[in-house]
């Protein structure tokens, strides 16, 4: 009976974690590296995103990131879109868009937005 008493609290924590909202502040700090593809909500296979994001990405502040793969500074912003929140990178007027899945404090999944990087997906870990 004691265990049943804690079940509602445990369910509440799980729901809270599932609804965690990605913010710019969450992305800042550390160095994000693509270590796998991202399919059906889990890491699988090889990364299938541009080296812009998989070869090392550092979010410097709320609208600036550095791409190791392109050796350049990028603008970025988070946008609420039809299928979720997307991170949109701007490199010299060219835009790259990925839906972003929060997995944990040090893990995110990226899935290409339709019409842009729609066949791409990758799993990034914060180093």
Protein backbone atom coordinates (compact mmCIF):
# COMPACT_ATOMS: atom_id res chain seq x y z
CA UNK A 1 0.00 0.00 0.00
CA UNK A 2 2.88 2.39 0.72
CA UNK A 3 4.19 2.04 -2.84
CA UNK A 4 0.81 3.00 -4.31
CA UNK A 5 0.95 6.26 -2.35
CA UNK A 6 4.02 7.38 -4.32
CA UNK A 7 2.71 6.34 -7.74
CA UNK A 8 0.84 9.62 -8.51
CA UNK A 9 3.95 11.63 -7.60
CA UNK A 10 6.12 9.44 -9.84
CA UNK A 11 3.68 9.82 -12.74
CA UNK A 12 3.66 13.59 -12.24
CA UNK A 13 7.48 13.70 -12.48
CA UNK A 14 7.45 11.62 -15.66
CA UNK A 15 4.86 13.90 -17.28
CA UNK A 16 6.83 16.96 -16.23
CA UNK A 17 10.00 15.60 -17.82
CA UNK A 18 8.16 14.73 -21.05
CA UNK A 19 6.86 18.28 -21.34
CA UNK A 20 10.24 19.93 -20.73
CA UNK A 21 10.58 22.96 -22.94
CA UNK A 22 13.70 23.59 -24.96
CA UNK A 23 15.13 27.06 -24.43
CA UNK A 24 18.21 28.81 -25.72
CA UNK A 25 19.64 28.74 -22.20
CA UNK A 26 19.36 24.95 -22.16
CA UNK A 27 21.53 24.65 -25.27
CA UNK A 28 24.26 27.04 -24.10
CA UNK A 29 27.24 25.50 -22.39
CA UNK A 30 29.26 22.56 -23.49
CA UNK A 31 30.03 21.22 -26.89
CA UNK A 32 27.39 19.21 -28.79
CA UNK A 33 28.60 16.35 -31.00
CA UNK A 34 26.59 14.05 -33.27
CA UNK A 35 27.14 10.46 -32.19
CA UNK A 36 24.27 8.62 -33.88
CA UNK A 37 21.24 8.94 -36.10
CA UNK A 38 17.88 9.62 -34.45
CA UNK A 39 14.92 7.43 -35.32
CA UNK A 40 11.59 6.96 -33.56
CA UNK A 41 12.77 8.83 -30.48
CA UNK A 42 16.06 7.02 -29.91
CA UNK A 43 19.67 7.03 -31.12
CA UNK A 44 20.27 4.56 -33.93
CA UNK A 45 22.89 4.10 -36.63
CA UNK A 46 25.18 6.83 -37.89
CA UNK A 47 24.45 10.59 -37.73
CA UNK A 48 22.58 11.71 -40.84
CA UNK A 49 22.78 15.51 -40.48
CA UNK A 50 25.05 18.08 -42.06
CA UNK A 51 28.51 18.38 -40.54
CA UNK A 52 27.27 21.86 -39.60
CA UNK A 53 25.74 20.23 -36.51
CA UNK A 54 27.32 16.79 -36.14
CA UNK A 55 31.02 17.72 -36.17
CA UNK A 56 30.75 19.90 -33.10
CA UNK A 57 28.40 22.70 -32.21
CA UNK A 58 28.73 25.23 -29.44
CA UNK A 59 25.86 27.54 -28.55
CA UNK A 60 27.60 30.74 -27.47
CA UNK A 61 24.64 32.90 -26.45
CA UNK A 62 20.88 33.21 -27.09
CA UNK A 63 21.31 33.71 -30.84
CA UNK A 64 24.87 32.70 -31.77
CA UNK A 65 26.49 29.30 -32.27
CA UNK A 66 29.84 28.10 -33.54
CA UNK A 67 30.02 25.17 -35.98
CA UNK A 68 33.27 23.21 -35.85
CA UNK A 69 32.31 21.37 -39.06
CA UNK A 70 31.95 24.62 -41.03
CA UNK A 71 34.50 26.54 -38.93
CA UNK A 72 32.12 29.47 -38.74
CA UNK A 73 29.83 31.44 -36.47
CA UNK A 74 26.10 30.94 -37.13
CA UNK A 75 22.98 32.71 -36.08
CA UNK A 76 20.27 30.51 -34.63
CA UNK A 77 16.81 30.77 -33.17
CA UNK A 78 14.17 28.46 -31.81
CA UNK A 79 10.81 28.57 -33.58
CA UNK A 80 7.52 26.99 -32.62
CA UNK A 81 6.32 25.21 -35.74
CA UNK A 82 3.44 22.96 -36.65
CA UNK A 83 5.16 19.74 -35.54
CA UNK A 84 7.09 21.13 -32.59
CA UNK A 85 10.00 23.40 -31.76
CA UNK A 86 12.67 23.78 -34.43
CA UNK A 87 16.17 25.14 -34.20
CA UNK A 88 16.91 27.25 -37.28
CA UNK A 89 20.53 27.97 -38.13
CA UNK A 90 21.45 30.92 -40.35
CA UNK A 91 24.79 30.73 -42.12
CA UNK A 92 25.34 33.73 -44.37
CA UNK A 93 21.68 33.86 -45.43
CA UNK A 94 21.25 30.09 -45.87
CA UNK A 95 18.88 28.48 -43.37
CA UNK A 96 19.04 24.96 -41.93
CA UNK A 97 16.07 23.77 -39.86
CA UNK A 98 15.68 20.82 -37.50
CA UNK A 99 12.92 19.84 -35.12
CA UNK A 100 14.52 19.41 -31.73
CA UNK A 101 13.68 16.71 -29.19
CA UNK A 102 14.81 17.17 -25.61
CA UNK A 103 15.99 13.81 -24.31
CA UNK A 104 17.97 14.78 -21.24
CA UNK A 105 20.18 17.60 -20.01
CA UNK A 106 23.01 16.32 -22.20
CA UNK A 107 21.14 14.73 -25.12
CA UNK A 108 19.00 16.07 -27.96
CA UNK A 109 17.59 14.57 -31.12
CA UNK A 110 17.34 16.56 -34.36
CA UNK A 111 15.00 15.75 -37.25
CA UNK A 112 15.04 17.76 -40.46
CA UNK A 113 12.12 20.07 -41.16
CA UNK A 114 10.11 19.25 -44.29
CA UNK A 115 11.33 21.00 -47.43
CA UNK A 116 14.79 21.64 -45.99
CA UNK A 117 16.64 18.87 -44.21
CA UNK A 118 13.69 16.47 -44.22
CA UNK A 119 15.80 13.33 -44.76
CA UNK A 120 18.22 14.17 -41.98
CA UNK A 121 18.26 13.10 -38.35
CA UNK A 122 20.92 12.93 -35.69
CA UNK A 123 21.44 12.43 -31.99
CA UNK A 124 23.73 14.93 -30.25
CA UNK A 125 25.44 14.59 -26.90
CA UNK A 126 26.84 17.42 -24.84
CA UNK A 127 30.53 16.84 -24.15
